Protein backbone atom coordinates (compact mmCIF):
# COMPACT_ATOMS: atom_id res chain seq x y z
CA UNK A 1 -53.20 -83.32 74.15
CA UNK A 2 -53.26 -85.13 77.66
CA UNK A 3 -51.25 -87.89 76.54
CA UNK A 4 -48.85 -85.77 75.29
CA UNK A 5 -48.37 -83.87 78.47
CA UNK A 6 -47.97 -87.74 80.35
CA UNK A 7 -44.94 -88.34 77.85
CA UNK A 8 -43.47 -84.87 78.78
CA UNK A 9 -43.69 -85.43 82.23
CA UNK A 10 -41.98 -88.84 82.16
CA UNK A 11 -39.24 -87.21 80.00
CA UNK A 12 -38.63 -84.42 82.41
CA UNK A 13 -38.94 -86.89 85.61
CA UNK A 14 -36.40 -89.13 84.04
CA UNK A 15 -33.87 -85.86 83.49
CA UNK A 16 -34.68 -84.74 87.12
CA UNK A 17 -33.88 -88.10 88.08
CA UNK A 18 -30.57 -88.39 86.04
CA UNK A 19 -29.69 -84.88 87.31
CA UNK A 20 -30.24 -86.10 90.85
CA UNK A 21 -27.85 -88.98 90.25
CA UNK A 22 -25.10 -86.62 88.93
CA UNK A 23 -25.50 -84.28 92.00
CA UNK A 24 -25.42 -87.31 94.28
CA UNK A 25 -22.18 -88.65 92.39
CA UNK A 26 -20.53 -85.31 93.26
CA UNK A 27 -21.65 -85.43 96.59
CA UNK A 28 -19.92 -89.08 97.12
CA UNK A 29 -16.72 -87.99 95.64
CA UNK A 30 -16.43 -85.05 98.03
CA UNK A 31 -17.25 -87.10 100.81
CA UNK A 32 -14.73 -89.75 99.44
CA UNK A 33 -11.88 -87.01 99.39
CA UNK A 34 -12.84 -85.72 102.61
CA UNK A 35 -12.46 -89.23 103.95
CA UNK A 36 -9.19 -89.80 102.58
CA UNK A 37 -8.18 -86.21 103.95
CA UNK A 38 -9.38 -87.64 107.39
CA UNK A 39 -7.10 -90.98 106.78
CA UNK A 40 -4.28 -88.53 105.87
CA UNK A 41 -4.82 -86.71 109.22
CA UNK A 42 -4.93 -89.84 111.17
CA UNK A 43 -1.70 -91.24 109.11
CA UNK A 44 0.30 -87.89 110.00
CA UNK A 45 -0.59 -88.15 113.65
CA UNK A 46 0.36 -91.77 113.92
CA UNK A 47 3.49 -90.93 112.16
CA UNK A 48 4.41 -87.99 114.52
CA UNK A 49 4.09 -90.30 117.70
CA UNK A 50 6.32 -92.71 116.16
CA UNK A 51 8.80 -90.09 115.11
CA UNK A 52 8.90 -88.51 118.46
CA UNK A 53 9.42 -91.95 119.68
CA UNK A 54 12.34 -92.69 118.04
CA UNK A 55 13.86 -89.34 116.95
CA UNK A 56 16.79 -90.96 115.23
CA UNK A 57 15.39 -93.72 113.50
CA UNK A 58 12.02 -92.70 112.23
CA UNK A 59 12.40 -89.15 113.07
CA UNK A 60 14.79 -88.78 110.35
CA UNK A 61 12.16 -89.65 107.72
CA UNK A 62 9.22 -87.78 109.18
CA UNK A 63 10.32 -84.44 107.37
CA UNK A 64 10.05 -86.35 104.06
CA UNK A 65 6.83 -87.76 104.96
CA UNK A 66 5.22 -84.61 106.37
CA UNK A 67 6.05 -82.89 103.12
CA UNK A 68 4.46 -85.49 101.17
CA UNK A 69 1.45 -85.53 103.26
CA UNK A 70 0.83 -81.80 102.99
CA UNK A 71 1.26 -81.95 99.09
CA UNK A 72 -1.60 -84.85 99.31
CA UNK A 73 -3.65 -82.42 101.60
CA UNK A 74 -3.24 -79.64 99.34
CA UNK A 75 -4.14 -81.97 96.27
CA UNK A 76 -7.25 -83.18 98.00
CA UNK A 77 -8.33 -79.77 99.10
CA UNK A 78 -7.66 -78.57 95.21
CA UNK A 79 -9.97 -81.73 94.07
CA UNK A 80 -12.76 -80.98 96.64
CA UNK A 81 -13.03 -77.19 95.22
CA UNK A 82 -12.79 -78.34 91.54
CA UNK A 83 -15.80 -80.99 92.38
CA UNK A 84 -17.71 -78.06 94.51
CA UNK A 85 -17.77 -75.91 91.35
CA UNK A 86 -19.14 -78.73 89.29
CA UNK A 87 -21.66 -79.52 92.02
CA UNK A 88 -22.87 -75.94 92.11
CA UNK A 89 -23.26 -75.84 88.28
CA UNK A 90 -25.07 -79.40 88.27
CA UNK A 91 -27.23 -78.21 91.13
CA UNK A 92 -28.27 -75.19 89.19
CA UNK A 93 -28.91 -77.31 86.28
CA UNK A 94 -31.02 -79.55 88.62
CA UNK A 95 -33.22 -76.63 89.61
CA UNK A 96 -33.79 -75.78 85.85
CA UNK A 97 -34.91 -79.13 85.24
CA UNK A 98 -36.94 -79.20 87.84
CA UNK A 99 -38.84 -76.16 87.22
CA UNK A 100 -39.60 -77.46 83.63
CA UNK A 101 -40.70 -80.69 85.13
CA UNK A 102 -42.66 -78.94 87.57
CA UNK A 103 -44.38 -76.76 84.65
CA UNK A 104 -45.90 -79.74 82.78
CA UNK A 105 -46.99 -81.27 86.03
CA UNK A 106 -48.88 -78.29 86.99
CA UNK A 107 -50.36 -78.03 82.95
CA UNK A 108 -51.36 -82.06 83.49
CA UNK A 109 -52.87 -80.95 86.79
CA UNK A 110 -55.17 -78.07 85.13
CA UNK A 111 -55.87 -79.95 82.02
CA UNK A 112 -57.13 -82.93 84.30
CA UNK A 113 -59.11 -80.62 86.74
CA UNK A 114 -60.34 -78.82 83.19
CA UNK A 115 -61.46 -82.29 81.96
CA UNK A 116 -63.04 -83.40 85.15
CA UNK A 117 -65.03 -80.18 85.38
CA UNK A 118 -66.16 -80.73 81.81
CA UNK A 119 -66.95 -84.06 82.69
CA UNK A 120 -69.20 -82.80 85.63
CA UNK A 121 -71.08 -80.31 83.48
CA UNK A 122 -72.09 -83.00 80.91
CA UNK A 123 -73.28 -85.56 83.58
CA UNK A 124 -75.23 -82.47 85.30
CA UNK A 125 -76.59 -81.58 81.91
CA UNK A 126 -77.65 -85.11 81.37
CA UNK A 127 -79.30 -85.33 85.07
CA UNK A 128 -80.96 -81.93 84.42
CA UNK A 129 -82.42 -83.42 80.94
CA UNK A 130 -83.57 -86.62 83.00
CA UNK A 131 -85.29 -84.28 85.53
CA UNK A 132 -86.76 -82.28 83.04
CA UNK A 133 -88.30 -85.16 81.10
CA UNK A 134 -89.67 -86.82 84.07
CA UNK A 135 -91.35 -83.24 85.16
CA UNK A 136 -92.67 -83.03 81.77
CA UNK A 137 -94.01 -86.30 81.82
CA UNK A 138 -95.87 -86.15 85.19
CA UNK A 139 -97.49 -83.19 84.28
CA UNK A 140 -99.22 -84.59 80.92
């Protein structure tokens, strides 16, 4: 029976690890989108400086650029929100998988403790038997 627990523990540990990878990937995706948003903000600020320095040349194109940047910013925010929804679902699934793993791990620990206690009881019974045998031999 103990071997079955070890197999189940390995399987559930693998599931926990896989779920951690999924959550990590989603967190990485969010970080990448946030980096893209920060880069977009730096780009917009740079374009503002350029367009204010040359209002007749570069300044005429800034309105189109700003509108496109605003659309891109909204797209990035929407993607982040979608990923955050997925992330919440995956984190909940990871909690469930972890609880399953922990249940089998605790069951294995209890089984190991029971087996150890049983082994100690057998050993003590053997030692008691040896002690009694020695006691009876001394009296004879």
